[in-house]
């Protein structure tokens, strides 16, 4: 495993281009702007990303200057080379359901098993005509790199990706949530008001965690369908496909560049005429959270009636 190897570096990290003599040198350079001026091969970039990810995992605090710089360096290498740390790739994944159990516009959901754990396999739809795996992996990378860094009881855990089971497509793997999303869970059990309020608090705690990171993480698509219920009946925020890092105020952003579910989208983002939006991106999650609270309490999507 490269994680183990990264702790035992005694010679050059990459013999063809020996920029680094040990792990400490990698970490020192990654914490500076000079790191982004270096030229790496793909294999070397993947190895360096592994070293950085291992170090990030060791840093327990949410707000840490070194951690932020390492994350920036990982995102830079991914953007340039379209590669991911090798520890994200899972082996031994097997399909359990004979057919997909759900699907959307861009992916199908299968039940699988990883060792003894039942898992959800999200298979990205791969269209042979005009598609290539490198482009698909690059599109996938943004979501999984961000999701990989999250660790909270009210965030759906990210287990990894697989490139073999549904080749040429890719799979995103997470724990299987047999209770489904909060809306179907509530319909099947006729939840009382107290339980619904408890669930909304758990959702708020997940959002509080995301927005408290450095930089803050904007989920971008908060709604009932993206809130899953764990086996111990806790809410977990899921689907980070539209998530972004809120690195600065939204002054340069325009409403035309924002995606999301229409009924949960703040009014300023629905304006058909592109215009600058003031404030921070995290505010859109708060609006969507309010719509989701309405959805949970009433059992209906927001703005259902004309």
C-alpha atoms as a PDB file:
ATOM      1  CA  UNK A   1       0.000   0.000   0.000  1.00  0.00           C
ATOM      2  CA  UNK A   2       1.249   3.483  -0.862  1.00  0.00           C
ATOM      3  CA  UNK A   3       0.037   4.777   2.496  1.00  0.00           C
ATOM      4  CA  UNK A   4       2.447   2.417   4.217  1.00  0.00           C
ATOM      5  CA  UNK A   5       5.164   3.125   1.670  1.00  0.00           C
ATOM      6  CA  UNK A   6       4.863   6.859   2.212  1.00  0.00           C
ATOM      7  CA  UNK A   7       5.904   6.357   5.828  1.00  0.00           C
ATOM      8  CA  UNK A   8       9.048   4.428   4.872  1.00  0.00           C
ATOM      9  CA  UNK A   9      10.623   6.579   2.178  1.00  0.00           C
ATOM     10  CA  UNK A  10      14.391   6.296   2.401  1.00  0.00           C
ATOM     11  CA  UNK A  11      15.447   7.115  -1.181  1.00  0.00           C
ATOM     12  CA  UNK A  12      14.123   9.362  -3.927  1.00  0.00           C
ATOM     13  CA  UNK A  13      10.348   9.319  -4.251  1.00  0.00           C
ATOM     14  CA  UNK A  14      10.521   9.029  -8.032  1.00  0.00           C
ATOM     15  CA  UNK A  15      13.686   7.852  -9.682  1.00  0.00           C
ATOM     16  CA  UNK A  16      13.017   9.382 -13.131  1.00  0.00           C
ATOM     17  CA  UNK A  17      12.661  12.864 -11.659  1.00  0.00           C
ATOM     18  CA  UNK A  18      14.057  12.805  -8.121  1.00  0.00           C
ATOM     19  CA  UNK A  19      12.607  16.087  -6.886  1.00  0.00           C
ATOM     20  CA  UNK A  20      12.127  14.627  -3.396  1.00  0.00           C
ATOM     21  CA  UNK A  21      14.547  12.647  -1.266  1.00  0.00           C
ATOM     22  CA  UNK A  22      11.995  11.901   1.483  1.00  0.00           C
ATOM     23  CA  UNK A  23       8.449  12.502   2.666  1.00  0.00           C
ATOM     24  CA  UNK A  24       9.412  15.573   4.700  1.00  0.00           C
ATOM     25  CA  UNK A  25      10.629  17.271   1.535  1.00  0.00           C
ATOM     26  CA  UNK A  26       7.283  16.609  -0.160  1.00  0.00           C
ATOM     27  CA  UNK A  27       5.356  18.094   2.753  1.00  0.00           C
ATOM     28  CA  UNK A  28       7.653  21.110   2.994  1.00  0.00           C
ATOM     29  CA  UNK A  29       7.325  21.962  -0.692  1.00  0.00           C
ATOM     30  CA  UNK A  30       3.551  21.307  -0.764  1.00  0.00           C
ATOM     31  CA  UNK A  31       3.115  23.974   1.883  1.00  0.00           C
ATOM     32  CA  UNK A  32       4.583  26.625  -0.452  1.00  0.00           C
ATOM     33  CA  UNK A  33       3.490  28.286  -3.682  1.00  0.00           C
ATOM     34  CA  UNK A  34       6.581  26.856  -5.397  1.00  0.00           C
ATOM     35  CA  UNK A  35       4.900  23.429  -5.391  1.00  0.00           C
ATOM     36  CA  UNK A  36       2.545  24.510  -8.181  1.00  0.00           C
ATOM     37  CA  UNK A  37       5.490  25.368 -10.426  1.00  0.00           C
ATOM     38  CA  UNK A  38       6.876  21.818 -10.351  1.00  0.00           C
ATOM     39  CA  UNK A  39       6.296  19.471 -13.267  1.00  0.00           C
ATOM     40  CA  UNK A  40       5.280  15.914 -12.360  1.00  0.00           C
ATOM     41  CA  UNK A  41       4.588  12.751 -14.292  1.00  0.00           C
ATOM     42  CA  UNK A  42       1.236  11.063 -13.648  1.00  0.00           C
ATOM     43  CA  UNK A  43       2.685   8.262 -11.527  1.00  0.00           C
ATOM     44  CA  UNK A  44       4.708  10.689  -9.463  1.00  0.00           C
ATOM     45  CA  UNK A  45       1.694  12.987  -9.029  1.00  0.00           C
ATOM     46  CA  UNK A  46      -0.440  10.091  -7.751  1.00  0.00           C
ATOM     47  CA  UNK A  47       2.267   9.107  -5.269  1.00  0.00           C
ATOM     48  CA  UNK A  48       2.699  12.668  -3.996  1.00  0.00           C
ATOM     49  CA  UNK A  49      -1.087  12.952  -3.606  1.00  0.00           C
ATOM     50  CA  UNK A  50      -1.018   9.766  -1.518  1.00  0.00           C
ATOM     51  CA  UNK A  51       1.647  11.178   0.777  1.00  0.00           C
ATOM     52  CA  UNK A  52      -0.307  14.420   1.186  1.00  0.00           C
ATOM     53  CA  UNK A  53      -3.603  12.618   1.814  1.00  0.00           C
ATOM     54  CA  UNK A  54      -1.978  10.464   4.499  1.00  0.00           C
ATOM     55  CA  UNK A  55      -0.721  13.593   6.234  1.00  0.00           C
ATOM     56  CA  UNK A  56      -4.120  15.306   5.930  1.00  0.00           C
ATOM     57  CA  UNK A  57      -5.728  12.314   7.636  1.00  0.00           C
ATOM     58  CA  UNK A  58      -3.339  12.732  10.553  1.00  0.00           C
ATOM     59  CA  UNK A  59      -4.416  16.334  11.151  1.00  0.00           C
ATOM     60  CA  UNK A  60      -7.521  16.153  13.327  1.00  0.00           C
ATOM     61  CA  UNK A  61      -8.428  19.835  13.540  1.00  0.00           C
ATOM     62  CA  UNK A  62     -10.864  21.274  10.986  1.00  0.00           C
ATOM     63  CA  UNK A  63      -9.039  24.584  10.648  1.00  0.00           C
ATOM     64  CA  UNK A  64      -5.331  24.128  10.060  1.00  0.00           C
ATOM     65  CA  UNK A  65      -3.134  26.200   7.754  1.00  0.00           C
ATOM     66  CA  UNK A  66      -0.923  23.262   6.747  1.00  0.00           C
ATOM     67  CA  UNK A  67      -3.934  21.058   6.028  1.00  0.00           C
ATOM     68  CA  UNK A  68      -5.443  23.739   3.822  1.00  0.00           C
ATOM     69  CA  UNK A  69      -2.207  24.018   1.811  1.00  0.00           C
ATOM     70  CA  UNK A  70      -1.955  20.237   1.383  1.00  0.00           C
ATOM     71  CA  UNK A  71      -5.546  20.110   0.135  1.00  0.00           C
ATOM     72  CA  UNK A  72      -4.810  22.890  -2.327  1.00  0.00           C
ATOM     73  CA  UNK A  73      -1.797  20.943  -3.619  1.00  0.00           C
ATOM     74  CA  UNK A  74      -3.846  17.756  -4.022  1.00  0.00           C
ATOM     75  CA  UNK A  75      -6.515  19.617  -5.981  1.00  0.00           C
ATOM     76  CA  UNK A  76      -3.808  21.172  -8.167  1.00  0.00           C
ATOM     77  CA  UNK A  77      -2.293  17.790  -9.053  1.00  0.00           C
ATOM     78  CA  UNK A  78      -5.717  16.352  -9.766  1.00  0.00           C
ATOM     79  CA  UNK A  79      -6.611  19.277 -12.019  1.00  0.00           C
ATOM     80  CA  UNK A  80      -3.371  18.995 -13.988  1.00  0.00           C
ATOM     81  CA  UNK A  81      -3.070  15.211 -14.241  1.00  0.00           C
ATOM     82  CA  UNK A  82      -6.598  13.887 -13.647  1.00  0.00           C
ATOM     83  CA  UNK A  83      -5.302  11.323 -11.133  1.00  0.00           C
ATOM     84  CA  UNK A  84      -6.342  10.385  -7.595  1.00  0.00           C
ATOM     85  CA  UNK A  85      -4.523   8.944  -4.563  1.00  0.00           C
ATOM     86  CA  UNK A  86      -4.280   5.178  -4.971  1.00  0.00           C
ATOM     87  CA  UNK A  87      -5.901   4.565  -1.568  1.00  0.00           C
ATOM     88  CA  UNK A  88      -9.209   5.765  -3.039  1.00  0.00           C
ATOM     89  CA  UNK A  89      -9.377   2.786  -5.409  1.00  0.00           C
ATOM     90  CA  UNK A  90     -11.140  -0.255  -3.954  1.00  0.00           C
ATOM     91  CA  UNK A  91     -10.445  -3.909  -4.680  1.00  0.00           C
ATOM     92  CA  UNK A  92     -12.738  -6.832  -3.937  1.00  0.00           C
ATOM     93  CA  UNK A  93     -16.000  -5.016  -4.685  1.00  0.00           C
ATOM     94  CA  UNK A  94     -18.786  -7.388  -5.785  1.00  0.00           C
ATOM     95  CA  UNK A  95     -22.275  -6.770  -7.124  1.00  0.00           C
ATOM     96  CA  UNK A  96     -25.113  -8.165  -5.011  1.00  0.00           C
ATOM     97  CA  UNK A  97     -28.304  -6.966  -6.710  1.00  0.00           C
ATOM     98  CA  UNK A  98     -29.076  -8.514 -10.142  1.00  0.00           C
ATOM     99  CA  UNK A  99     -30.231  -5.153 -11.509  1.00  0.00           C
ATOM    100  CA  UNK A 100     -29.961  -1.500 -10.579  1.00  0.00           C
ATOM    101  CA  UNK A 101     -32.290  -0.609  -7.693  1.00  0.00           C
ATOM    102  CA  UNK A 102     -32.521   3.083  -8.584  1.00  0.00           C
ATOM    103  CA  UNK A 103     -31.249   5.535 -11.140  1.00  0.00           C
ATOM    104  CA  UNK A 104     -31.076   9.140 -12.211  1.00  0.00           C
ATOM    105  CA  UNK A 105     -29.934  11.183 -15.151  1.00  0.00           C
ATOM    106  CA  UNK A 106     -26.234  10.510 -14.659  1.00  0.00           C
ATOM    107  CA  UNK A 107     -25.906   7.330 -12.584  1.00  0.00           C
ATOM    108  CA  UNK A 108     -27.487   4.031 -11.557  1.00  0.00           C
ATOM    109  CA  UNK A 109     -27.550   2.614  -8.033  1.00  0.00           C
ATOM    110  CA  UNK A 110     -26.666  -1.012  -7.306  1.00  0.00           C
ATOM    111  CA  UNK A 111     -26.340  -2.938  -4.060  1.00  0.00           C
ATOM    112  CA  UNK A 112     -22.925  -4.475  -3.545  1.00  0.00           C
ATOM    113  CA  UNK A 113     -20.614  -5.926  -0.963  1.00  0.00           C
ATOM    114  CA  UNK A 114     -17.135  -4.887   0.088  1.00  0.00           C
ATOM    115  CA  UNK A 115     -15.629  -7.582   2.295  1.00  0.00           C
ATOM    116  CA  UNK A 116     -18.458  -8.165   4.805  1.00  0.00           C
ATOM    117  CA  UNK A 117     -20.065  -4.745   4.431  1.00  0.00           C
ATOM    118  CA  UNK A 118     -23.140  -4.092   2.320  1.00  0.00           C
ATOM    119  CA  UNK A 119     -22.518  -1.049   0.166  1.00  0.00           C
ATOM    120  CA  UNK A 120     -24.154   1.309  -2.289  1.00  0.00           C
ATOM    121  CA  UNK A 121     -22.525   1.321  -5.722  1.00  0.00           C
ATOM    122  CA  UNK A 122     -23.198   4.485  -7.704  1.00  0.00           C
ATOM    123  CA  UNK A 123     -22.327   3.688 -11.324  1.00  0.00           C
ATOM    124  CA  UNK A 124     -21.735   6.707 -13.526  1.00  0.00           C
ATOM    125  CA  UNK A 125     -23.371   6.406 -16.922  1.00  0.00           C
ATOM    126  CA  UNK A 126     -20.741   5.984 -19.590  1.00  0.00           C
ATOM    127  CA  UNK A 127     -21.854   6.763 -23.121  1.00  0.00           C
ATOM    128  CA  UNK A 128     -19.533   5.082 -25.594  1.00  0.00           C
ATOM    129  CA  UNK A 129     -20.011   7.627 -28.347  1.00  0.00           C
ATOM    130  CA  UNK A 130     -17.911  10.702 -27.701  1.00  0.00           C
ATOM    131  CA  UNK A 131     -16.815   9.495 -24.258  1.00  0.00           C
ATOM    132  CA  UNK A 132     -13.468   8.550 -22.823  1.00  0.00           C
ATOM    133  CA  UNK A 133     -12.521   7.236 -19.405  1.00  0.00           C
ATOM    134  CA  UNK A 134      -9.995   9.977 -18.670  1.00  0.00           C
ATOM    135  CA  UNK A 135     -12.653  12.667 -19.111  1.00  0.00           C
ATOM    136  CA  UNK A 136     -15.107  10.720 -16.957  1.00  0.00           C
ATOM    137  CA  UNK A 137     -12.539  10.243 -14.197  1.00  0.00           C
ATOM    138  CA  UNK A 138     -11.689  13.932 -14.219  1.00  0.00           C
ATOM    139  CA  UNK A 139     -15.366  14.834 -13.821  1.00  0.00           C
ATOM    140  CA  UNK A 140     -15.675  12.335 -10.979  1.00  0.00           C
ATOM    141  CA  UNK A 141     -12.531  13.559  -9.227  1.00  0.00           C
ATOM    142  CA  UNK A 142     -13.942  16.866  -8.012  1.00  0.00           C
ATOM    143  CA  UNK A 143     -16.760  15.164  -6.113  1.00  0.00           C
ATOM    144  CA  UNK A 144     -14.753  12.355  -4.547  1.00  0.00           C
ATOM    145  CA  UNK A 145     -11.734  14.472  -3.574  1.00  0.00           C
ATOM    146  CA  UNK A 146     -13.985  16.820  -1.647  1.00  0.00           C
ATOM    147  CA  UNK A 147     -16.103  14.019  -0.157  1.00  0.00           C
ATOM    148  CA  UNK A 148     -12.998  12.058   0.877  1.00  0.00           C
ATOM    149  CA  UNK A 149     -12.019  14.823   3.315  1.00  0.00           C
ATOM    150  CA  UNK A 150     -15.320  14.812   5.230  1.00  0.00           C
ATOM    151  CA  UNK A 151     -15.765  12.995   8.529  1.00  0.00           C
ATOM    152  CA  UNK A 152     -18.876  13.602  10.633  1.00  0.00           C
ATOM    153  CA  UNK A 153     -21.745  11.482  12.033  1.00  0.00           C
ATOM    154  CA  UNK A 154     -24.230  13.373   9.846  1.00  0.00           C
ATOM    155  CA  UNK A 155     -22.246  13.045   6.605  1.00  0.00           C
ATOM    156  CA  UNK A 156     -22.548   9.882   4.490  1.00  0.00           C
ATOM    157  CA  UNK A 157     -19.107   8.195   4.589  1.00  0.00           C
ATOM    158  CA  UNK A 158     -17.099   7.897   1.388  1.00  0.00           C
ATOM    159  CA  UNK A 159     -15.522   4.447   1.006  1.00  0.00           C
ATOM    160  CA  UNK A 160     -13.791   4.789  -2.352  1.00  0.00           C
ATOM    161  CA  UNK A 161     -14.132   4.254  -6.090  1.00  0.00           C
ATOM    162  CA  UNK A 162     -13.823   1.206  -8.315  1.00  0.00           C
ATOM    163  CA  UNK A 163     -12.774   1.104 -11.958  1.00  0.00           C
ATOM    164  CA  UNK A 164     -13.225  -2.595 -12.720  1.00  0.00           C
ATOM    165  CA  UNK A 165     -16.671  -3.904 -11.731  1.00  0.00           C
ATOM    166  CA  UNK A 166     -18.611  -1.819 -14.265  1.00  0.00           C
ATOM    167  CA  UNK A 167     -15.774  -1.008 -16.665  1.00  0.00           C
ATOM    168  CA  UNK A 168     -15.506   1.186 -18.705  1.00  0.00           C
ATOM    169  CA  UNK A 169     -17.533   3.225 -16.218  1.00  0.00           C
ATOM    170  CA  UNK A 170     -16.556   4.141 -12.664  1.00  0.00           C
ATOM    171  CA  UNK A 171     -18.274   3.384  -9.354  1.00  0.00           C
ATOM    172  CA  UNK A 172     -18.518   5.553  -6.245  1.00  0.00           C
ATOM    173  CA  UNK A 173     -18.915   3.387  -3.145  1.00  0.00           C
ATOM    174  CA  UNK A 174     -20.568   4.322   0.159  1.00  0.00           C
ATOM    175  CA  UNK A 175     -22.321   2.362   2.942  1.00  0.00           C
ATOM    176  CA  UNK A 176     -25.741   0.995   2.005  1.00  0.00           C
ATOM    177  CA  UNK A 177     -28.535   2.912   3.751  1.00  0.00           C
ATOM    178  CA  UNK A 178     -31.453   0.462   3.886  1.00  0.00           C
ATOM    179  CA  UNK A 179     -33.812   3.073   5.355  1.00  0.00           C
ATOM    180  CA  UNK A 180     -33.562   5.199   2.222  1.00  0.00           C
ATOM    181  CA  UNK A 181     -33.965   8.965   2.164  1.00  0.00           C
ATOM    182  CA  UNK A 182     -35.755  10.893   4.868  1.00  0.00           C
ATOM    183  CA  UNK A 183     -38.912  11.492   2.831  1.00  0.00           C
ATOM    184  CA  UNK A 184     -39.571   7.823   2.046  1.00  0.00           C
ATOM    185  CA  UNK A 185     -38.555   6.928   5.600  1.00  0.00           C
ATOM    186  CA  UNK A 186     -41.075   9.409   7.029  1.00  0.00           C
ATOM    187  CA  UNK A 187     -43.877   8.214   4.739  1.00  0.00           C
ATOM    188  CA  UNK A 188     -43.361   4.575   5.671  1.00  0.00           C
ATOM    189  CA  UNK A 189     -43.335   5.228   9.416  1.00  0.00           C
ATOM    190  CA  UNK A 190     -45.641   8.216   9.977  1.00  0.00           C
ATOM    191  CA  UNK A 191     -43.066  10.051  12.066  1.00  0.00           C
ATOM    192  CA  UNK A 192     -44.310  12.282  14.874  1.00  0.00           C
ATOM    193  CA  UNK A 193     -43.365  15.949  15.136  1.00  0.00           C
ATOM    194  CA  UNK A 194     -40.724  15.358  17.804  1.00  0.00           C
ATOM    195  CA  UNK A 195     -38.865  12.841  15.625  1.00  0.00           C
ATOM    196  CA  UNK A 196     -39.052  15.122  12.589  1.00  0.00           C
ATOM    197  CA  UNK A 197     -37.591  17.992  14.590  1.00  0.00           C
ATOM    198  CA  UNK A 198     -34.812  15.716  15.835  1.00  0.00           C
ATOM    199  CA  UNK A 199     -33.975  14.865  12.233  1.00  0.00           C
ATOM    200  CA  UNK A 200     -33.878  18.528  11.212  1.00  0.00           C
ATOM    201  CA  UNK A 201     -31.410  19.195  14.034  1.00  0.00           C
ATOM    202  CA  UNK A 202     -29.166  16.407  12.725  1.00  0.00           C
ATOM    203  CA  UNK A 203     -29.272  17.919   9.233  1.00  0.00           C
ATOM    204  CA  UNK A 204     -28.360  21.303  10.707  1.00  0.00           C
ATOM    205  CA  UNK A 205     -25.423  19.721  12.545  1.00  0.00           C
ATOM    206  CA  UNK A 206     -24.155  18.252   9.278  1.00  0.00           C
ATOM    207  CA  UNK A 207     -24.408  21.654   7.600  1.00  0.00           C
ATOM    208  CA  UNK A 208     -22.750  23.358  10.561  1.00  0.00           C
ATOM    209  CA  UNK A 209     -19.824  20.964  10.157  1.00  0.00           C
ATOM    210  CA  UNK A 210     -19.515  21.600   6.397  1.00  0.00           C
ATOM    211  CA  UNK A 211     -19.697  25.363   6.757  1.00  0.00           C
ATOM    212  CA  UNK A 212     -17.207  25.314   9.638  1.00  0.00           C
ATOM    213  CA  UNK A 213     -14.435  23.701   7.601  1.00  0.00           C
ATOM    214  CA  UNK A 214     -11.514  25.703   6.221  1.00  0.00           C
ATOM    215  CA  UNK A 215     -12.401  26.558   3.545  1.00  0.00           C
ATOM    216  CA  UNK A 216     -16.150  26.041   4.072  1.00  0.00           C
ATOM    217  CA  UNK A 217     -17.829  23.349   1.985  1.00  0.00           C
ATOM    218  CA  UNK A 218     -21.080  24.275   0.243  1.00  0.00           C
ATOM    219  CA  UNK A 219     -23.243  21.185  -0.302  1.00  0.00           C
ATOM    220  CA  UNK A 220     -25.177  22.814  -3.134  1.00  0.00           C
ATOM    221  CA  UNK A 221     -28.155  20.441  -3.272  1.00  0.00           C
ATOM    222  CA  UNK A 222     -29.760  20.122   0.159  1.00  0.00           C
ATOM    223  CA  UNK A 223     -33.200  18.487  -0.103  1.00  0.00           C
ATOM    224  CA  UNK A 224     -35.063  15.524   1.346  1.00  0.00           C
ATOM    225  CA  UNK A 225     -33.928  13.129  -1.377  1.00  0.00           C
ATOM    226  CA  UNK A 226     -30.286  13.803  -0.451  1.00  0.00           C
ATOM    227  CA  UNK A 227     -30.754  13.124   3.264  1.00  0.00           C
ATOM    228  CA  UNK A 228     -30.274   9.411   3.978  1.00  0.00           C
ATOM    229  CA  UNK A 229     -31.223   7.578   7.175  1.00  0.00           C
ATOM    230  CA  UNK A 230     -28.578   5.299   8.672  1.00  0.00           C
ATOM    231  CA  UNK A 231     -29.267   1.961  10.349  1.00  0.00           C
ATOM    232  CA  UNK A 232     -29.148   3.694  13.741  1.00  0.00           C
ATOM    233  CA  UNK A 233     -31.703   6.235  12.450  1.00  0.00           C
ATOM    234  CA  UNK A 234     -29.434   9.236  12.052  1.00  0.00           C
ATOM    235  CA  UNK A 235     -29.599  11.666   9.142  1.00  0.00           C
ATOM    236  CA  UNK A 236     -26.630  11.727   6.776  1.00  0.00           C
ATOM    237  CA  UNK A 237     -26.098  14.359   4.088  1.00  0.00           C
ATOM    238  CA  UNK A 238     -25.393  12.649   0.763  1.00  0.00           C
ATOM    239  CA  UNK A 239     -24.668  13.444  -2.894  1.00  0.00           C
ATOM    240  CA  UNK A 240     -21.771  15.883  -3.130  1.00  0.00           C
ATOM    241  CA  UNK A 241     -21.863  16.140  -6.917  1.00  0.00           C
ATOM    242  CA  UNK A 242     -22.669  19.869  -6.804  1.00  0.00           C
ATOM    243  CA  UNK A 243     -20.571  20.684  -3.748  1.00  0.00           C
ATOM    244  CA  UNK A 244     -17.940  23.407  -3.926  1.00  0.00           C
ATOM    245  CA  UNK A 245     -15.425  25.092  -1.663  1.00  0.00           C
ATOM    246  CA  UNK A 246     -16.445  28.560  -0.529  1.00  0.00           C
ATOM    247  CA  UNK A 247     -13.032  30.178  -0.808  1.00  0.00           C
ATOM    248  CA  UNK A 248     -14.185  33.761  -1.132  1.00  0.00           C
ATOM    249  CA  UNK A 249     -17.218  35.991  -1.324  1.00  0.00           C
ATOM    250  CA  UNK A 250     -19.456  35.473  -4.310  1.00  0.00           C
ATOM    251  CA  UNK A 251     -18.760  38.862  -5.860  1.00  0.00           C
ATOM    252  CA  UNK A 252     -17.268  37.332  -9.046  1.00  0.00           C
ATOM    253  CA  UNK A 253     -19.982  34.653  -9.256  1.00  0.00           C
ATOM    254  CA  UNK A 254     -23.089  34.908 -11.370  1.00  0.00           C
ATOM    255  CA  UNK A 255     -26.469  33.259 -11.007  1.00  0.00           C
ATOM    256  CA  UNK A 256     -26.140  31.623 -14.431  1.00  0.00           C
ATOM    257  CA  UNK A 257     -23.262  29.439 -13.186  1.00  0.00           C
ATOM    258  CA  UNK A 258     -25.182  27.961 -10.235  1.00  0.00           C
ATOM    259  CA  UNK A 259     -26.814  24.528 -10.417  1.00  0.00           C
ATOM    260  CA  UNK A 260     -29.229  22.831  -8.050  1.00  0.00           C
ATOM    261  CA  UNK A 261     -32.772  21.567  -7.540  1.00  0.00           C
ATOM    262  CA  UNK A 262     -35.174  24.307  -8.593  1.00  0.00           C
ATOM    263  CA  UNK A 263     -37.685  24.194  -5.712  1.00  0.00           C
ATOM    264  CA  UNK A 264     -34.877  24.350  -3.132  1.00  0.00           C
ATOM    265  CA  UNK A 265     -32.862  27.018  -4.937  1.00  0.00           C
ATOM    266  CA  UNK A 266     -32.727  30.515  -3.452  1.00  0.00           C
ATOM    267  CA  UNK A 267     -34.697  33.089  -5.518  1.00  0.00           C
ATOM    268  CA  UNK A 268     -31.619  35.083  -6.506  1.00  0.00           C
ATOM    269  CA  UNK A 269     -30.271  32.013  -8.324  1.00  0.00           C
ATOM    270  CA  UNK A 270     -33.449  31.484 -10.342  1.00  0.00           C
ATOM    271  CA  UNK A 271     -33.285  34.889 -12.022  1.00  0.00           C
ATOM    272  CA  UNK A 272     -33.167  34.193 -15.796  1.00  0.00           C
ATOM    273  CA  UNK A 273     -30.875  37.189 -16.281  1.00  0.00           C
ATOM    274  CA  UNK A 274     -27.323  36.460 -15.084  1.00  0.00           C
ATOM    275  CA  UNK A 275     -26.292  38.868 -12.359  1.00  0.00           C
ATOM    276  CA  UNK A 276     -23.669  39.115  -9.614  1.00  0.00           C
ATOM    277  CA  UNK A 277     -24.731  37.791  -6.211  1.00  0.00           C
ATOM    278  CA  UNK A 278     -23.321  39.292  -3.030  1.00  0.00           C
ATOM    279  CA  UNK A 279     -22.506  37.290   0.085  1.00  0.00           C
ATOM    280  CA  UNK A 280     -21.123  33.821   0.633  1.00  0.00           C
ATOM    281  CA  UNK A 281     -22.098  30.626  -1.154  1.00  0.00           C
ATOM    282  CA  UNK A 282     -22.954  28.943   2.144  1.00  0.00           C
ATOM    283  CA  UNK A 283     -26.100  31.082   2.296  1.00  0.00           C
ATOM    284  CA  UNK A 284     -27.711  29.036  -0.481  1.00  0.00           C
ATOM    285  CA  UNK A 285     -27.438  25.928   1.727  1.00  0.00           C
ATOM    286  CA  UNK A 286     -29.260  27.746   4.521  1.00  0.00           C
ATOM    287  CA  UNK A 287     -32.136  28.650   2.206  1.00  0.00           C
ATOM    288  CA  UNK A 288     -32.308  25.063   0.916  1.00  0.00           C
ATOM    289  CA  UNK A 289     -32.235  23.808   4.510  1.00  0.00           C
ATOM    290  CA  UNK A 290     -35.298  25.938   5.298  1.00  0.00           C
ATOM    291  CA  UNK A 291     -37.089  24.438   2.295  1.00  0.00           C
ATOM    292  CA  UNK A 292     -36.070  20.964   3.452  1.00  0.00           C
ATOM    293  CA  UNK A 293     -37.457  21.584   6.944  1.00  0.00           C
ATOM    294  CA  UNK A 294     -40.766  22.555   5.315  1.00  0.00           C
ATOM    295  CA  UNK A 295     -40.574  19.399   3.192  1.00  0.00           C
ATOM    296  CA  UNK A 296     -39.988  17.154   6.217  1.00  0.00           C
ATOM    297  CA  UNK A 297     -42.724  18.726   8.342  1.00  0.00           C
ATOM    298  CA  UNK A 298     -45.399  18.747   5.622  1.00  0.00           C
ATOM    299  CA  UNK A 299     -44.402  15.712   3.573  1.00  0.00           C
ATOM    300  CA  UNK A 300     -44.596  17.842   0.413  1.00  0.00           C
ATOM    301  CA  UNK A 301     -41.952  19.563  -1.729  1.00  0.00           C
ATOM    302  CA  UNK A 302     -41.727  23.337  -1.274  1.00  0.00           C
ATOM    303  CA  UNK A 303     -43.782  25.513  -3.635  1.00  0.00           C
ATOM    304  CA  UNK A 304     -45.864  22.584  -4.850  1.00  0.00           C
ATOM    305  CA  UNK A 305     -48.959  24.705  -5.538  1.00  0.00           C
ATOM    306  CA  UNK A 306     -48.816  27.309  -8.335  1.00  0.00           C
END
